[in-house]
Amino acid sequence: MTSDHEKYIRRNIHTYPFKYTYNNYDDFFKKEQGSIYIHIPFCSSKCHFCDYTVYVNTDDDLREQYVAALCEEIRRFPDNPVFPRFAIEAIYFGGGTPGMLTAEQLTRILTACRDTFDVSPGAEIAVEFDPKSVEQAKIDTLRDAGFTRLSIGIQSFDEAILRDCNRPHTLADIDRAIDVVRKSRFTHVNIDLIYPLLGLTNEIWEESLRKAIDLNVACITVYPLEVWEKTAYHNWIMKKGKQLPKIHEEKQMALSAFTLLEKAGYKTGSTSGYYRPDLCDNYCVFLDYYWRTWPMIGFGVSSKSVIHQYLYTNIKSVRDYIDRIRDRKPVMDFSTLMTKDQEMRRVMIRGLKVGNVLKDDFLTRFGVPMTLVFGDILQKLKNDNYLLETDEEIRLTQQGQLYSNAVWEQFYTDDDLLPPQNNEIQFGISELILD
């Protein structure tokens, strides 16, 4: 029998979720944070290992036309109705060699960014130079204009290695460039080195590392070489029998870098980037956005943009780019709309390139814990001593850093490695198979 006092619930729903809070209007509707990448495709010479979109032997008129088109592309970005307005936390001038432009041209591009976007007063504004393009007046002007981070592509302190790589500078150029930087007010200075190069031994490599450390700069980046098709390096290795250092030699070079840099007080900011905490607060804000797949808006030829699920790349031809901007035509080349599964894998792979992925960040972005999605992979990597796990993050061990390619390959799917089909193109993965 039913009791006269039995509880009866009649429930209706008007909305979901049911829990709300009183919030500050400005915080609730604040702009999403993002970064900007600007590609400057001009160089005085092309390195034999370089796969970037670069042009040599260009004249002043072409560079000026490109700068004008670049500023116009930047100003048109808000016309795209798909994307929100962004608060910009980092702007990176890469290339190529941005230092080949005049200080006025670089400043004009930065002004276009500030006129178009809400650029944070404390935003990192980074620019790349090679030693030969470093000039005192230009560096001082850029510092006064608000540039905050200077990166110099040294690559090696060995004259023969520089010559064999077709680098445009000499050791004397390096000395002069460092002297200029010391006289400037730049404190967040990075220098790049690369290994293993043709003819490079661990002795030469360690000497370059020691000379880099002796310069007392805030950041040192030790890039592992990538050999891409259609580069001189690829042709020499595949068709002319030239040989890179052996795998065990490359491993020793990586270990030498870890040991010498950490002993000198540098800490890892990524799998290849190191910074001195007593000289700067971080390795590179822009590269955090880049590797952690936070919003990055690319401008210029061949630049890449990653904005949520939208991933697209601009055309490579400078003249075509200039013409399209003048004709108010899109400059996008190829693109993809990522699935959530691809986004999650991308976050894991690229986050581990920085060295760690935060569990709360993954949960906030995707609504599920990373261990639920990738638990088996993470457990295998921990068993192999490639990863450490805490309550807050997963992090590469030194062995994981040393064999980092083996780490993120665990997150590829079978479909990722199939040949492109149905009007697809393959982009962003290099492979060199040697006996």
Protein backbone atom coordinates (compact mmCIF):
# COMPACT_ATOMS: atom_id res chain seq x y z
CA MET A 1 0.00 0.00 0.00
CA THR A 2 1.10 3.59 -0.59
CA SER A 3 1.49 5.77 2.43
CA ASP A 4 -0.36 9.09 2.49
CA HIS A 5 2.92 10.67 3.58
CA GLU A 6 5.11 9.18 0.79
CA LYS A 7 7.51 11.81 -0.66
CA TYR A 8 6.58 13.01 -4.15
CA ILE A 9 9.05 15.01 -6.25
CA ARG A 10 8.00 16.98 -9.27
CA ARG A 11 11.07 18.38 -10.97
CA ASN A 12 11.38 20.57 -14.05
CA ILE A 13 14.41 21.91 -15.87
CA HIS A 14 14.87 25.27 -17.53
CA THR A 15 18.63 25.30 -17.98
CA TYR A 16 21.83 23.47 -17.26
CA PRO A 17 24.19 23.63 -15.38
CA PHE A 18 22.45 24.56 -12.13
CA LYS A 19 25.33 26.29 -10.32
CA TYR A 20 26.32 29.91 -11.04
CA THR A 21 28.40 32.55 -9.31
CA TYR A 22 28.48 36.33 -9.19
CA ASN A 23 31.36 37.36 -11.42
CA ASN A 24 33.27 40.46 -12.37
CA TYR A 25 32.13 41.64 -15.82
CA ASP A 26 35.65 42.42 -17.09
CA ASP A 27 37.02 39.06 -15.96
CA PHE A 28 34.05 37.15 -17.40
CA PHE A 29 34.31 38.78 -20.83
CA LYS A 30 38.09 39.22 -20.96
CA LYS A 31 39.88 38.62 -24.23
CA GLU A 32 41.46 35.26 -24.81
CA GLN A 33 45.24 35.27 -24.57
CA GLY A 34 47.22 34.54 -27.71
CA SER A 35 50.56 34.96 -29.48
CA ILE A 36 51.73 36.17 -32.88
CA TYR A 37 54.36 34.72 -35.20
CA ILE A 38 55.75 36.89 -38.01
CA HIS A 39 57.81 35.25 -40.75
CA ILE A 40 60.57 37.29 -42.37
CA PRO A 41 61.82 35.13 -45.28
CA PHE A 42 65.01 36.98 -46.20
CA CYS A 43 68.57 35.72 -45.68
CA SER A 44 72.00 36.68 -46.98
CA SER A 45 72.66 32.97 -47.72
CA LYS A 46 70.83 29.68 -47.26
CA CYS A 47 72.28 27.19 -44.80
CA HIS A 48 72.86 23.74 -46.21
CA PHE A 49 70.57 22.17 -43.58
CA CYS A 50 67.78 24.80 -43.84
CA ASP A 51 64.24 23.82 -44.90
CA TYR A 52 62.54 27.11 -44.03
CA THR A 53 61.02 29.40 -46.64
CA VAL A 54 63.84 31.87 -47.26
CA TYR A 55 64.94 34.07 -50.15
CA VAL A 56 68.49 35.25 -50.77
CA ASN A 57 69.83 38.06 -52.97
CA THR A 58 66.67 40.12 -52.60
CA ASP A 59 66.68 43.88 -53.10
CA ASP A 60 65.44 46.68 -50.87
CA ASP A 61 62.32 47.22 -52.97
CA LEU A 62 61.07 43.63 -52.61
CA ARG A 63 61.68 43.68 -48.86
CA GLU A 64 59.77 46.97 -48.55
CA GLN A 65 56.85 45.58 -50.58
CA TYR A 66 56.80 42.54 -48.34
CA VAL A 67 56.75 44.64 -45.16
CA ALA A 68 53.85 46.70 -46.49
CA ALA A 69 51.90 43.55 -47.39
CA LEU A 70 52.69 42.00 -44.00
CA CYS A 71 51.35 45.05 -42.15
CA GLU A 72 48.19 44.90 -44.26
CA GLU A 73 47.65 41.20 -43.49
CA ILE A 74 48.00 41.95 -39.78
CA ARG A 75 45.47 44.78 -39.90
CA ARG A 76 42.92 42.61 -41.75
CA PHE A 77 42.91 39.80 -39.19
CA PRO A 78 39.93 41.20 -37.21
CA ASP A 79 37.84 41.00 -40.41
CA ASN A 80 37.74 37.21 -39.98
CA PRO A 81 34.47 36.59 -38.10
CA VAL A 82 35.45 33.12 -36.87
CA PHE A 83 38.08 34.16 -34.34
CA PRO A 84 37.70 36.27 -31.19
CA ARG A 85 39.84 39.30 -30.46
CA PHE A 86 42.98 38.31 -28.60
CA ALA A 87 45.08 39.81 -25.85
CA ILE A 88 48.61 39.21 -27.13
CA GLU A 89 51.23 37.98 -24.66
CA ALA A 90 54.09 37.29 -27.09
CA ILE A 91 55.19 38.32 -30.59
CA TYR A 92 57.98 36.45 -32.35
CA PHE A 93 59.81 37.66 -35.46
CA GLY A 94 61.32 34.53 -37.05
CA GLY A 95 62.70 33.59 -40.42
CA GLY A 96 64.82 33.67 -42.36
CA THR A 97 66.73 36.47 -40.77
CA PRO A 98 64.48 39.26 -39.47
CA GLY A 99 67.64 41.23 -38.67
CA MET A 100 68.07 41.83 -42.42
CA LEU A 101 65.19 44.31 -42.29
CA THR A 102 65.82 47.87 -41.16
CA ALA A 103 64.96 48.92 -37.63
CA GLU A 104 62.22 51.15 -39.09
CA GLN A 105 60.65 48.21 -40.95
CA LEU A 106 60.71 45.92 -37.91
CA THR A 107 59.26 48.68 -35.74
CA ARG A 108 56.55 49.38 -38.32
CA ILE A 109 55.47 45.72 -38.23
CA LEU A 110 55.36 45.81 -34.43
CA THR A 111 53.28 49.01 -34.58
CA ALA A 112 50.80 47.28 -36.90
CA CYS A 113 50.44 44.53 -34.29
CA ARG A 114 49.87 47.06 -31.51
CA ASP A 115 47.36 49.02 -33.59
CA THR A 116 45.40 45.87 -34.41
CA PHE A 117 45.63 43.80 -31.23
CA ASP A 118 45.51 44.39 -27.51
CA VAL A 119 49.21 43.77 -26.88
CA SER A 120 49.97 43.38 -23.18
CA PRO A 121 52.35 46.04 -21.79
CA GLY A 122 54.55 43.20 -20.52
CA ALA A 123 54.38 41.14 -23.71
CA GLU A 124 57.51 39.38 -24.87
CA ILE A 125 58.65 40.82 -28.23
CA ALA A 126 61.33 38.55 -29.69
CA VAL A 127 63.43 38.90 -32.84
CA GLU A 128 66.06 36.71 -34.52
CA PHE A 129 69.41 37.86 -35.94
CA ASP A 130 72.44 36.16 -37.36
CA PRO A 131 75.73 37.61 -36.07
CA LYS A 132 76.52 39.39 -39.34
CA SER A 133 73.24 41.37 -39.27
CA VAL A 134 73.75 42.69 -35.71
CA GLU A 135 74.38 46.45 -35.74
CA GLN A 136 74.55 48.72 -32.70
CA ALA A 137 72.17 51.42 -33.95
CA LYS A 138 69.60 48.84 -35.08
CA ILE A 139 69.73 46.86 -31.82
CA ASP A 140 69.41 50.03 -29.72
CA THR A 141 66.46 51.26 -31.80
CA LEU A 142 64.63 47.95 -31.43
CA ARG A 143 65.18 47.96 -27.67
CA ASP A 144 63.72 51.49 -27.49
CA ALA A 145 60.74 50.34 -29.61
CA GLY A 146 59.85 47.65 -27.07
CA PHE A 147 61.58 44.50 -28.31
CA THR A 148 62.52 42.43 -25.26
CA ARG A 149 64.18 39.20 -26.43
CA LEU A 150 67.06 38.85 -28.88
CA SER A 151 68.04 35.50 -30.41
CA ILE A 152 71.30 35.10 -32.32
CA GLY A 153 71.84 32.12 -34.61
CA ILE A 154 75.47 31.23 -33.98
CA GLN A 155 75.10 27.43 -34.56
CA SER A 156 78.82 26.70 -34.01
CA PHE A 157 82.01 28.33 -32.75
CA ASP A 158 84.13 26.36 -35.23
CA GLU A 159 85.16 28.25 -38.37
CA ALA A 160 85.28 25.16 -40.60
CA ILE A 161 81.84 23.96 -39.47
CA LEU A 162 80.35 27.40 -40.16
CA ARG A 163 81.88 27.45 -43.62
CA ASP A 164 80.70 23.92 -44.45
CA CYS A 165 77.14 24.81 -43.36
CA ASN A 166 77.16 27.93 -45.56
CA ARG A 167 76.58 30.17 -42.58
CA PRO A 168 76.96 33.86 -43.50
CA HIS A 169 79.13 34.74 -40.50
CA THR A 170 82.62 34.09 -39.14
CA LEU A 171 83.99 33.88 -35.60
CA ALA A 172 84.97 37.55 -35.89
CA ASP A 173 81.32 38.39 -36.66
CA ILE A 174 80.27 36.50 -33.53
CA ASP A 175 82.70 38.46 -31.36
CA ARG A 176 81.51 41.76 -32.82
CA ALA A 177 77.82 40.82 -32.41
CA ILE A 178 78.26 39.81 -28.78
CA ASP A 179 80.10 43.07 -28.11
CA VAL A 180 77.15 44.99 -29.57
CA VAL A 181 74.67 43.06 -27.44
CA ARG A 182 76.69 43.70 -24.29
CA LYS A 183 76.57 47.44 -25.00
CA SER A 184 72.80 47.35 -25.55
CA ARG A 185 70.16 47.11 -22.84
CA PHE A 186 68.97 43.65 -23.93
CA THR A 187 69.14 41.21 -21.05
CA HIS A 188 66.98 38.37 -22.40
CA VAL A 189 69.45 37.13 -25.02
CA ASN A 190 69.47 33.65 -26.57
CA ILE A 191 72.08 32.00 -28.76
CA ASP A 192 71.43 28.94 -30.94
CA LEU A 193 73.72 25.95 -31.47
CA ILE A 194 73.03 22.87 -33.64
CA TYR A 195 74.21 19.26 -33.47
CA PRO A 196 75.14 16.83 -35.04
CA LEU A 197 76.46 18.63 -38.12
CA LEU A 198 78.62 17.15 -40.84
CA GLY A 199 82.19 17.09 -39.57
CA LEU A 200 81.17 17.81 -35.98
CA THR A 201 82.93 15.85 -33.24
CA ASN A 202 82.06 15.83 -29.57
CA GLU A 203 85.29 17.69 -28.83
CA ILE A 204 84.33 20.51 -31.20
CA TRP A 205 80.78 20.45 -29.83
CA GLU A 206 81.89 20.72 -26.21
CA GLU A 207 84.19 23.61 -27.11
CA SER A 208 81.21 25.43 -28.68
CA LEU A 209 79.15 24.77 -25.57
CA ARG A 210 81.87 26.14 -23.29
CA LYS A 211 82.26 29.26 -25.40
CA ALA A 212 78.50 29.77 -25.37
CA ILE A 213 78.41 29.39 -21.58
CA ASP A 214 81.30 31.82 -21.19
CA LEU A 215 79.22 34.52 -22.93
CA ASN A 216 76.93 34.58 -19.87
CA VAL A 217 73.72 34.95 -21.90
CA ALA A 218 70.26 34.29 -20.48
CA CYS A 219 69.36 31.42 -22.81
CA ILE A 220 71.16 28.79 -24.87
CA THR A 221 69.31 26.60 -27.34
CA VAL A 222 70.88 23.34 -28.52
CA TYR A 223 68.86 22.22 -31.52
CA PRO A 224 69.12 18.61 -32.70
CA LEU A 225 69.56 18.57 -36.47
CA GLU A 226 66.54 17.78 -38.66
CA VAL A 227 67.34 16.58 -42.17
CA TRP A 228 64.58 17.54 -44.60
CA GLU A 229 64.17 16.57 -48.23
CA LYS A 230 65.36 19.05 -50.88
CA THR A 231 68.05 20.46 -48.59
CA ALA A 232 71.74 20.24 -49.48
CA TYR A 233 72.30 18.06 -46.40
CA HIS A 234 69.68 15.54 -47.54
CA ASN A 235 71.19 15.37 -51.02
CA TRP A 236 74.73 14.93 -49.70
CA ILE A 237 73.73 12.17 -47.29
CA MET A 238 71.37 10.24 -49.57
CA LYS A 239 73.18 10.64 -52.90
CA LYS A 240 76.80 11.57 -52.24
CA GLY A 241 77.64 9.35 -49.31
CA LYS A 242 78.41 12.00 -46.72
CA GLN A 243 77.85 10.81 -43.17
CA LEU A 244 76.55 12.49 -40.07
CA PRO A 245 78.08 11.56 -36.72
CA LYS A 246 76.94 8.11 -35.57
CA ILE A 247 73.95 7.70 -33.27
CA HIS A 248 76.15 7.00 -30.24
CA GLU A 249 78.14 10.16 -31.02
CA GLU A 250 74.96 12.23 -31.29
CA LYS A 251 73.79 10.78 -27.97
CA GLN A 252 77.07 11.83 -26.38
CA MET A 253 76.66 15.36 -27.76
CA ALA A 254 73.21 15.58 -26.17
CA LEU A 255 74.56 14.32 -22.84
CA SER A 256 77.44 16.80 -23.03
CA ALA A 257 74.95 19.62 -23.51
CA PHE A 258 72.79 18.47 -20.58
CA THR A 259 75.79 18.13 -18.29
CA LEU A 260 77.68 21.31 -19.16
CA LEU A 261 74.64 23.58 -19.25
CA GLU A 262 73.11 22.31 -16.02
CA LYS A 263 76.50 22.55 -14.28
CA ALA A 264 76.69 26.20 -15.42
CA GLY A 265 73.33 26.98 -13.79
CA TYR A 266 71.02 26.63 -16.79
CA LYS A 267 67.62 24.96 -16.41
CA THR A 268 65.56 23.24 -19.08
CA GLY A 269 62.86 25.37 -20.69
CA SER A 270 62.17 22.78 -23.39
CA THR A 271 63.79 19.63 -24.74
CA SER A 272 66.36 21.84 -26.48
CA GLY A 273 66.14 25.21 -24.70
CA TYR A 274 67.93 26.25 -21.50
CA TYR A 275 67.72 29.43 -19.44
CA ARG A 276 69.50 30.96 -16.45
CA PRO A 277 66.93 31.79 -13.71
CA ASP A 278 69.25 34.49 -12.33
CA LEU A 279 69.24 36.27 -15.71
CA CYS A 280 65.63 35.83 -16.92
CA ASP A 281 62.27 34.59 -15.65
CA ASN A 282 61.61 32.07 -18.42
CA TYR A 283 63.03 30.53 -21.54
CA CYS A 284 60.60 31.94 -24.14
CA VAL A 285 56.95 32.90 -23.67
CA PHE A 286 56.20 32.61 -27.39
CA LEU A 287 57.56 29.06 -27.53
CA ASP A 288 55.30 28.13 -24.63
CA TYR A 289 52.36 29.18 -26.81
CA TYR A 290 53.86 27.46 -29.83
CA TRP A 291 54.58 24.11 -28.22
CA ARG A 292 51.60 23.98 -25.86
CA THR A 293 49.28 24.72 -28.81
CA TRP A 294 47.79 27.80 -27.22
CA PRO A 295 46.44 30.31 -29.76
CA MET A 296 49.12 31.39 -32.23
CA ILE A 297 48.37 33.68 -35.16
CA GLY A 298 50.86 33.52 -38.03
CA PHE A 299 51.52 36.32 -40.52
CA GLY A 300 53.71 36.32 -43.62
CA VAL A 301 54.71 33.67 -46.14
CA SER A 302 54.69 30.06 -44.93
CA SER A 303 53.61 31.13 -41.42
CA LYS A 304 51.51 28.69 -39.43
CA SER A 305 48.47 29.53 -37.32
CA VAL A 306 46.94 27.31 -34.65
CA ILE A 307 43.74 28.70 -33.18
CA HIS A 308 41.70 26.09 -31.32
CA GLN A 309 40.76 23.43 -33.89
CA TYR A 310 41.86 25.59 -36.84
CA LEU A 311 45.34 24.87 -38.18
CA TYR A 312 46.43 26.57 -41.40
CA THR A 313 49.54 27.67 -43.29
CA ASN A 314 50.16 30.59 -45.63
CA ILE A 315 51.51 30.34 -49.18
CA LYS A 316 55.29 30.27 -49.71
CA SER A 317 55.82 32.59 -52.68
CA VAL A 318 56.74 36.14 -51.65
CA ARG A 319 55.56 37.70 -54.91
CA ASP A 320 52.31 35.74 -54.90
CA TYR A 321 51.78 36.78 -51.28
CA ILE A 322 52.31 40.47 -52.11
CA ASP A 323 49.95 40.24 -55.10
CA ARG A 324 47.21 38.50 -53.13
CA ILE A 325 47.36 41.06 -50.34
CA ARG A 326 47.10 43.87 -52.90
CA ASP A 327 44.10 42.14 -54.51
CA ARG A 328 42.52 41.49 -51.11
CA LYS A 329 42.61 37.73 -51.67
CA PRO A 330 43.24 35.11 -48.97
CA VAL A 331 46.86 34.01 -48.52
CA MET A 332 46.06 30.65 -46.89
CA ASP A 333 47.64 27.64 -48.58
CA PHE A 334 46.59 24.41 -46.81
CA SER A 335 44.70 23.72 -43.62
CA THR A 336 42.94 21.22 -41.41
CA LEU A 337 40.14 21.25 -38.86
CA MET A 338 41.42 19.06 -36.06
CA THR A 339 39.20 16.53 -34.33
CA LYS A 340 39.22 16.50 -30.53
CA ASP A 341 41.30 13.32 -30.64
CA GLN A 342 43.90 15.07 -32.82
CA GLU A 343 43.88 18.11 -30.55
CA MET A 344 44.48 15.93 -27.50
CA ARG A 345 47.34 14.05 -29.17
CA ARG A 346 48.82 17.34 -30.35
CA VAL A 347 48.72 18.74 -26.83
CA MET A 348 50.54 15.69 -25.49
CA ILE A 349 53.21 15.56 -28.20
CA ARG A 350 53.97 19.24 -28.33
CA GLY A 351 53.63 19.76 -24.59
CA LEU A 352 56.24 17.11 -24.00
CA LYS A 353 58.50 19.00 -26.43
CA VAL A 354 58.53 21.68 -23.73
CA GLY A 355 59.10 18.95 -21.16
CA ASN A 356 55.79 18.54 -19.34
CA VAL A 357 52.00 18.56 -19.62
CA LEU A 358 49.91 19.85 -16.71
CA LYS A 359 47.00 17.62 -15.75
CA ASP A 360 44.68 20.49 -14.82
CA ASP A 361 45.35 22.24 -18.14
CA PHE A 362 44.42 19.09 -20.06
CA LEU A 363 41.29 18.56 -17.96
CA THR A 364 40.16 22.18 -18.34
CA ARG A 365 40.70 22.14 -22.10
CA PHE A 366 39.10 18.79 -22.90
CA GLY A 367 36.86 17.93 -19.95
CA VAL A 368 38.52 14.54 -19.33
CA PRO A 369 41.72 13.59 -17.48
CA MET A 370 44.70 12.72 -19.66
CA THR A 371 45.11 9.44 -17.78
CA LEU A 372 41.64 8.34 -18.92
CA VAL A 373 42.52 9.02 -22.57
CA PHE A 374 46.20 8.02 -22.68
CA GLY A 375 46.64 5.89 -19.55
CA ASP A 376 48.18 2.87 -21.30
CA ILE A 377 50.67 5.01 -23.24
CA LEU A 378 51.68 6.98 -20.16
CA GLN A 379 52.19 3.80 -18.16
CA LYS A 380 54.42 2.32 -20.86
CA LEU A 381 56.51 5.50 -21.01
CA LYS A 382 56.87 5.50 -17.21
CA ASN A 383 57.91 1.84 -17.27
CA ASP A 384 60.57 2.71 -19.85
CA ASN A 385 61.85 5.55 -17.60
CA TYR A 386 60.88 8.21 -20.15
CA LEU A 387 58.26 9.91 -17.97
CA LEU A 388 57.71 10.90 -14.36
CA GLU A 389 54.19 11.46 -13.05
CA THR A 390 53.13 13.62 -10.11
CA ASP A 391 49.73 14.79 -8.93
CA GLU A 392 50.16 17.94 -11.05
CA GLU A 393 51.92 16.84 -14.25
CA ILE A 394 53.68 14.32 -16.40
CA ARG A 395 57.30 15.27 -17.10
CA LEU A 396 60.14 13.95 -19.24
CA THR A 397 63.03 12.30 -17.44
CA GLN A 398 66.53 13.00 -18.76
CA GLN A 399 66.28 9.71 -20.65
CA GLY A 400 62.96 10.88 -22.07
CA GLN A 401 64.60 14.12 -23.14
CA LEU A 402 67.46 12.19 -24.71
CA TYR A 403 65.09 9.90 -26.64
CA SER A 404 62.27 12.40 -27.00
CA ASN A 405 61.32 11.30 -30.53
CA ALA A 406 60.52 7.86 -29.12
CA VAL A 407 58.23 9.52 -26.57
CA TRP A 408 55.92 11.46 -28.83
CA GLU A 409 55.87 8.71 -31.45
CA GLN A 410 53.81 6.76 -28.92
CA PHE A 411 50.96 9.21 -29.51
CA TYR A 412 50.84 8.78 -33.30
CA THR A 413 47.96 6.75 -34.73
CA ASP A 414 48.31 4.23 -37.55
CA ASP A 415 46.44 6.66 -39.78
CA ASP A 416 48.94 9.43 -39.03
CA LEU A 417 51.72 7.43 -40.69
CA LEU A 418 49.80 6.37 -43.80
CA PRO A 419 50.81 8.06 -47.09
CA PRO A 420 48.72 11.15 -47.91
CA GLN A 421 45.64 10.49 -50.02
CA ASN A 422 42.39 12.10 -51.23
CA ASN A 423 44.00 15.44 -52.06
CA GLU A 424 45.98 15.46 -48.80
CA ILE A 425 49.55 16.68 -48.38
CA GLN A 426 52.05 15.53 -45.78
CA PHE A 427 53.50 18.28 -43.64
CA GLY A 428 55.59 18.60 -40.51
CA ILE A 429 57.38 15.25 -40.31
CA SER A 430 60.85 14.42 -41.61
CA GLU A 431 62.35 10.97 -41.94
CA LEU A 432 65.87 9.88 -42.81
CA ILE A 433 66.40 6.13 -43.12
CA LEU A 434 70.02 5.00 -43.39
CA ASP A 435 71.70 1.61 -43.39
